[in-house]
N, C-alpha and C. Protein backbone atom coordinates (compact mmCIF):
# COMPACT_ATOMS: atom_id res chain seq x y z
N MET A 1 110.17 85.48 103.27
CA MET A 1 110.63 86.28 102.31
C MET A 1 109.48 87.01 101.60
N THR A 2 109.70 88.34 101.36
CA THR A 2 108.62 89.04 100.69
C THR A 2 108.69 88.92 99.22
N GLU A 3 107.50 89.21 98.53
CA GLU A 3 107.58 88.94 96.99
C GLU A 3 108.49 90.01 96.63
N GLN A 4 109.09 89.54 95.50
CA GLN A 4 110.12 90.45 94.79
C GLN A 4 109.90 90.40 93.29
N PRO A 5 110.26 91.35 92.53
CA PRO A 5 110.26 91.47 91.27
C PRO A 5 111.01 90.33 90.54
N LYS A 6 110.45 89.64 89.47
CA LYS A 6 111.29 88.53 88.74
C LYS A 6 112.38 89.35 88.15
N GLN A 7 113.57 88.56 88.27
CA GLN A 7 114.89 89.11 87.65
C GLN A 7 115.01 88.47 86.22
N VAL A 8 115.33 89.35 85.30
CA VAL A 8 115.30 88.89 83.88
C VAL A 8 116.74 89.19 83.23
N GLY A 9 117.22 88.32 82.52
CA GLY A 9 118.53 88.63 81.88
C GLY A 9 118.30 89.14 80.40
N GLY A 10 119.44 89.71 79.87
CA GLY A 10 119.40 90.33 78.49
C GLY A 10 120.40 89.68 77.56
N GLY A 11 120.56 88.34 77.83
CA GLY A 11 121.69 87.59 77.12
C GLY A 11 121.23 87.36 75.75
N ARG A 12 120.00 87.00 75.53
CA ARG A 12 119.58 86.83 74.15
C ARG A 12 119.56 88.10 73.23
N ASN A 13 119.19 89.30 74.00
CA ASN A 13 119.14 90.54 73.32
C ASN A 13 120.47 90.93 72.77
N MET A 14 121.53 90.65 73.73
CA MET A 14 122.93 91.09 73.49
C MET A 14 123.71 90.15 72.57
N PHE A 15 123.51 88.81 72.74
CA PHE A 15 124.35 87.88 72.06
C PHE A 15 123.53 86.74 71.35
N GLY A 16 122.39 86.72 71.32
CA GLY A 16 121.52 85.52 70.84
C GLY A 16 121.77 85.12 69.52
N ASP A 17 122.18 85.98 68.72
CA ASP A 17 122.59 85.82 67.19
C ASP A 17 124.13 85.45 67.15
N PHE A 18 124.82 85.81 68.08
CA PHE A 18 126.37 85.63 67.87
C PHE A 18 126.81 84.49 68.76
N ALA A 19 126.31 84.52 69.97
CA ALA A 19 126.80 83.32 70.97
C ALA A 19 125.66 82.66 71.54
N PRO A 20 124.72 81.98 70.91
CA PRO A 20 123.40 81.57 71.46
C PRO A 20 123.58 80.89 72.73
N LYS A 21 124.66 79.85 72.89
CA LYS A 21 124.66 79.23 74.10
C LYS A 21 124.87 80.12 75.45
N LEU A 22 125.77 81.03 75.30
CA LEU A 22 126.07 82.05 76.35
C LEU A 22 124.88 82.88 76.69
N ALA A 23 124.05 83.20 75.62
CA ALA A 23 122.78 83.96 75.84
C ALA A 23 121.88 83.13 76.68
N GLU A 24 121.77 81.79 76.13
CA GLU A 24 120.84 80.84 76.88
C GLU A 24 121.22 80.65 78.29
N LEU A 25 122.42 80.54 78.68
CA LEU A 25 122.94 80.21 79.94
C LEU A 25 122.73 81.55 80.93
N THR A 26 123.16 82.75 80.23
CA THR A 26 122.78 83.91 81.01
C THR A 26 121.39 83.98 81.31
N ASP A 27 120.44 83.95 80.41
CA ASP A 27 119.02 84.12 80.62
C ASP A 27 118.36 83.15 81.48
N ASP A 28 118.80 81.86 81.11
CA ASP A 28 118.04 80.58 81.71
C ASP A 28 118.55 80.09 83.11
N VAL A 29 119.90 80.26 83.20
CA VAL A 29 120.51 79.68 84.35
C VAL A 29 120.70 80.87 85.34
N LEU A 30 121.50 81.78 84.98
CA LEU A 30 121.98 82.76 85.69
C LEU A 30 120.75 83.74 86.21
N PHE A 31 120.10 84.23 85.36
CA PHE A 31 119.02 85.07 85.73
C PHE A 31 117.62 84.23 86.22
N ALA A 32 117.16 83.49 85.19
CA ALA A 32 115.85 82.79 85.60
C ALA A 32 115.94 81.94 86.83
N ASP A 33 116.96 81.11 86.89
CA ASP A 33 117.34 80.31 87.99
C ASP A 33 117.87 81.06 89.26
N VAL A 34 119.24 81.27 89.21
CA VAL A 34 119.89 81.89 90.32
C VAL A 34 119.39 82.92 90.87
N TRP A 35 119.27 84.09 90.15
CA TRP A 35 118.78 85.35 90.53
C TRP A 35 117.35 85.31 91.22
N ASN A 36 116.62 84.33 90.79
CA ASN A 36 115.13 84.31 91.24
C ASN A 36 115.07 83.35 92.60
N ARG A 37 116.13 82.64 93.04
CA ARG A 37 116.01 81.76 94.13
C ARG A 37 115.60 82.43 95.29
N LEU A 38 114.81 81.91 96.29
CA LEU A 38 114.22 82.75 97.33
C LEU A 38 115.15 82.89 98.51
N GLU A 39 116.13 82.20 98.63
CA GLU A 39 117.00 82.09 99.76
C GLU A 39 117.72 83.43 100.00
N LEU A 40 117.86 84.30 98.92
CA LEU A 40 118.32 85.73 99.28
C LEU A 40 117.58 86.64 98.26
N SER A 41 117.23 87.71 98.75
CA SER A 41 116.39 88.73 97.94
C SER A 41 117.25 89.28 96.87
N ALA A 42 116.56 89.79 95.92
CA ALA A 42 117.27 90.47 94.69
C ALA A 42 118.14 91.61 95.22
N ARG A 43 117.74 92.14 96.24
CA ARG A 43 118.47 93.36 96.93
C ARG A 43 119.83 92.86 97.40
N ASP A 44 119.70 91.69 98.20
CA ASP A 44 121.00 91.15 98.56
C ASP A 44 121.81 90.64 97.57
N ARG A 45 121.34 89.97 96.69
CA ARG A 45 122.19 89.50 95.49
C ARG A 45 122.77 90.69 94.76
N SER A 46 122.13 91.69 94.51
CA SER A 46 122.67 92.90 93.91
C SER A 46 123.97 93.51 94.77
N LEU A 47 123.78 93.49 96.08
CA LEU A 47 124.88 93.93 96.88
C LEU A 47 125.98 93.05 96.68
N ILE A 48 125.80 91.78 96.87
CA ILE A 48 126.78 90.74 96.68
C ILE A 48 127.43 90.81 95.26
N THR A 49 126.78 91.00 94.13
CA THR A 49 127.36 90.94 92.86
C THR A 49 128.03 92.33 92.57
N VAL A 50 127.60 93.36 93.20
CA VAL A 50 128.43 94.74 93.07
C VAL A 50 129.66 94.43 93.82
N ALA A 51 129.71 93.99 94.91
CA ALA A 51 130.89 93.76 95.79
C ALA A 51 131.95 92.71 95.09
N VAL A 52 131.42 91.81 94.44
CA VAL A 52 132.26 90.78 93.77
C VAL A 52 132.89 91.37 92.35
N LEU A 53 132.06 92.11 91.73
CA LEU A 53 132.48 92.72 90.47
C LEU A 53 133.51 93.84 90.83
N THR A 54 133.36 94.55 91.99
CA THR A 54 134.32 95.64 92.43
C THR A 54 135.57 95.04 92.67
N ALA A 55 135.49 93.88 93.51
CA ALA A 55 136.68 93.08 93.89
C ALA A 55 137.59 92.65 92.65
N GLY A 56 136.80 92.14 91.64
CA GLY A 56 137.52 91.56 90.53
C GLY A 56 137.89 92.61 89.45
N GLY A 57 137.57 93.95 89.67
CA GLY A 57 137.89 94.97 88.84
C GLY A 57 136.93 94.87 87.36
N ASN A 58 135.68 94.19 87.45
CA ASN A 58 134.95 93.91 86.37
C ASN A 58 134.04 95.28 86.01
N THR A 59 134.67 96.35 85.60
CA THR A 59 133.88 97.54 85.48
C THR A 59 132.80 97.57 84.39
N ASP A 60 132.98 96.81 83.33
CA ASP A 60 132.03 96.74 82.34
C ASP A 60 130.70 96.06 82.86
N GLN A 61 130.71 94.94 83.53
CA GLN A 61 129.74 94.34 84.18
C GLN A 61 129.04 95.02 85.20
N LEU A 62 129.89 95.82 85.91
CA LEU A 62 129.48 96.83 87.09
C LEU A 62 128.58 97.75 86.60
N ARG A 63 128.71 98.28 85.44
CA ARG A 63 127.77 99.28 85.00
C ARG A 63 126.32 98.78 85.01
N PHE A 64 126.19 97.57 84.44
CA PHE A 64 124.89 97.11 84.34
C PHE A 64 124.27 96.71 85.72
N HIS A 65 125.27 96.25 86.65
CA HIS A 65 124.79 95.85 87.96
C HIS A 65 124.40 96.94 88.97
N LEU A 66 125.15 98.01 88.76
CA LEU A 66 124.85 99.12 89.82
C LEU A 66 123.42 99.59 89.43
N GLY A 67 123.10 99.82 88.13
CA GLY A 67 121.80 100.02 87.73
C GLY A 67 120.80 98.98 88.27
N ARG A 68 120.92 97.74 88.00
CA ARG A 68 120.14 96.70 88.48
C ARG A 68 119.91 96.90 90.03
N ALA A 69 121.00 97.09 90.68
CA ALA A 69 120.92 97.22 92.33
C ALA A 69 119.96 98.21 92.61
N VAL A 70 120.01 99.60 91.99
CA VAL A 70 119.01 100.59 92.31
C VAL A 70 117.66 100.16 92.14
N GLU A 71 117.44 99.43 90.78
CA GLU A 71 116.05 98.77 90.58
C GLU A 71 115.64 97.90 91.68
N ASN A 72 116.69 97.22 92.15
CA ASN A 72 116.23 96.20 93.30
C ASN A 72 116.25 96.74 94.72
N GLY A 73 116.22 98.08 94.92
CA GLY A 73 116.08 98.75 96.14
C GLY A 73 117.25 99.15 96.89
N VAL A 74 118.49 99.02 96.41
CA VAL A 74 119.68 99.49 97.00
C VAL A 74 119.85 100.91 96.67
N ALA A 75 119.96 101.64 97.74
CA ALA A 75 120.17 103.10 97.65
C ALA A 75 121.64 103.43 97.03
N LYS A 76 121.75 104.46 96.36
CA LYS A 76 123.01 104.81 95.79
C LYS A 76 124.09 105.16 96.89
N GLU A 77 123.74 105.59 97.94
CA GLU A 77 124.45 105.83 99.03
C GLU A 77 125.04 104.46 99.62
N GLU A 78 124.17 103.36 99.60
CA GLU A 78 124.57 102.20 100.09
C GLU A 78 125.67 101.46 99.09
N LEU A 79 125.35 101.70 97.87
CA LEU A 79 126.29 101.23 96.93
C LEU A 79 127.72 101.84 96.91
N ILE A 80 127.62 103.19 97.11
CA ILE A 80 129.02 103.91 97.49
C ILE A 80 129.66 103.41 98.57
N GLU A 81 128.92 103.19 99.74
CA GLU A 81 129.61 102.61 100.83
C GLU A 81 130.10 101.22 100.68
N ALA A 82 129.33 100.35 99.84
CA ALA A 82 129.77 98.98 99.71
C ALA A 82 131.09 99.00 98.83
N ILE A 83 131.12 99.92 97.90
CA ILE A 83 132.40 99.90 97.11
C ILE A 83 133.60 100.45 97.99
N THR A 84 133.33 101.44 98.78
CA THR A 84 134.34 101.92 99.66
C THR A 84 134.70 100.82 100.56
N HIS A 85 133.96 100.05 101.09
CA HIS A 85 134.27 98.96 102.00
C HIS A 85 135.06 97.89 101.28
N VAL A 86 134.54 97.37 100.19
CA VAL A 86 135.38 96.48 99.23
C VAL A 86 136.75 96.89 98.91
N THR A 87 136.92 98.31 98.70
CA THR A 87 138.10 98.73 98.21
C THR A 87 139.26 98.34 99.24
N LEU A 88 139.04 98.57 100.61
CA LEU A 88 139.92 98.27 101.61
C LEU A 88 140.29 96.83 101.81
N TYR A 89 139.50 95.89 101.27
CA TYR A 89 139.80 94.46 101.29
C TYR A 89 140.29 93.98 100.00
N ALA A 90 139.79 94.45 98.78
CA ALA A 90 140.09 93.89 97.60
C ALA A 90 141.17 94.66 96.76
N GLY A 91 141.34 95.81 97.05
CA GLY A 91 142.59 96.53 96.38
C GLY A 91 141.96 97.84 95.92
N TRP A 92 143.11 98.76 96.08
CA TRP A 92 142.69 100.08 95.83
C TRP A 92 142.31 100.35 94.21
N PRO A 93 143.22 99.89 93.32
CA PRO A 93 142.84 100.08 91.97
C PRO A 93 141.40 99.63 91.58
N GLN A 94 140.99 98.51 91.99
CA GLN A 94 139.71 97.86 91.74
C GLN A 94 138.71 99.02 92.32
N GLY A 95 138.78 99.32 93.62
CA GLY A 95 137.88 100.25 94.19
C GLY A 95 137.71 101.58 93.57
N MET A 96 138.86 102.06 93.20
CA MET A 96 138.91 103.54 92.49
C MET A 96 138.18 103.31 91.14
N ALA A 97 138.45 102.21 90.43
CA ALA A 97 137.75 102.13 89.06
C ALA A 97 136.27 101.92 89.31
N ALA A 98 135.85 101.10 90.34
CA ALA A 98 134.44 100.99 90.43
C ALA A 98 133.80 102.28 91.00
N MET A 99 134.52 103.01 91.73
CA MET A 99 133.96 104.31 92.15
C MET A 99 133.69 105.18 91.00
N GLY A 100 134.75 105.22 90.14
CA GLY A 100 134.63 106.02 88.97
C GLY A 100 133.53 105.63 88.15
N VAL A 101 133.10 104.33 87.98
CA VAL A 101 131.84 103.90 87.27
C VAL A 101 130.75 104.52 87.92
N ALA A 102 130.64 104.21 89.29
CA ALA A 102 129.49 104.47 90.20
C ALA A 102 129.19 106.15 90.14
N LYS A 103 130.36 106.89 89.99
CA LYS A 103 130.18 108.46 89.99
C LYS A 103 129.66 108.80 88.64
N GLU A 104 130.13 108.13 87.40
CA GLU A 104 129.58 108.32 86.21
C GLU A 104 128.26 107.98 86.18
N LEU A 105 127.76 107.01 86.58
CA LEU A 105 126.44 106.47 86.43
C LEU A 105 125.55 107.34 87.19
N PHE A 106 125.85 107.61 88.46
CA PHE A 106 125.00 108.39 89.34
C PHE A 106 124.90 109.76 89.13
N HIS A 107 125.81 110.33 88.32
CA HIS A 107 125.76 111.83 87.91
C HIS A 107 125.12 112.00 86.63
N GLU A 108 124.57 111.00 85.78
CA GLU A 108 123.97 111.13 84.57
C GLU A 108 122.49 111.70 84.74
């Protein structure tokens, strides 16, 4: 496995003063531990995360993770293709909503 940038969460910045335990779990478990495990690259984790968020219709989280995916080396065209692929398995409404988020973000 090649060296990859350390993945860092923003839970404490977002919710540290309001929901400190959630912020701690986000930063210390989800990002510091799970996202930095060597068994999958950050790029692969980003593709998986985008697919799962698309399938679940979680467009608010998808906004962040599309940007993170690009930072982790996933091309915009690959993300569009992944969303298209997931749409046919997970549901048209979720896919259309996810593609709307991608279009909005990638045209900024």
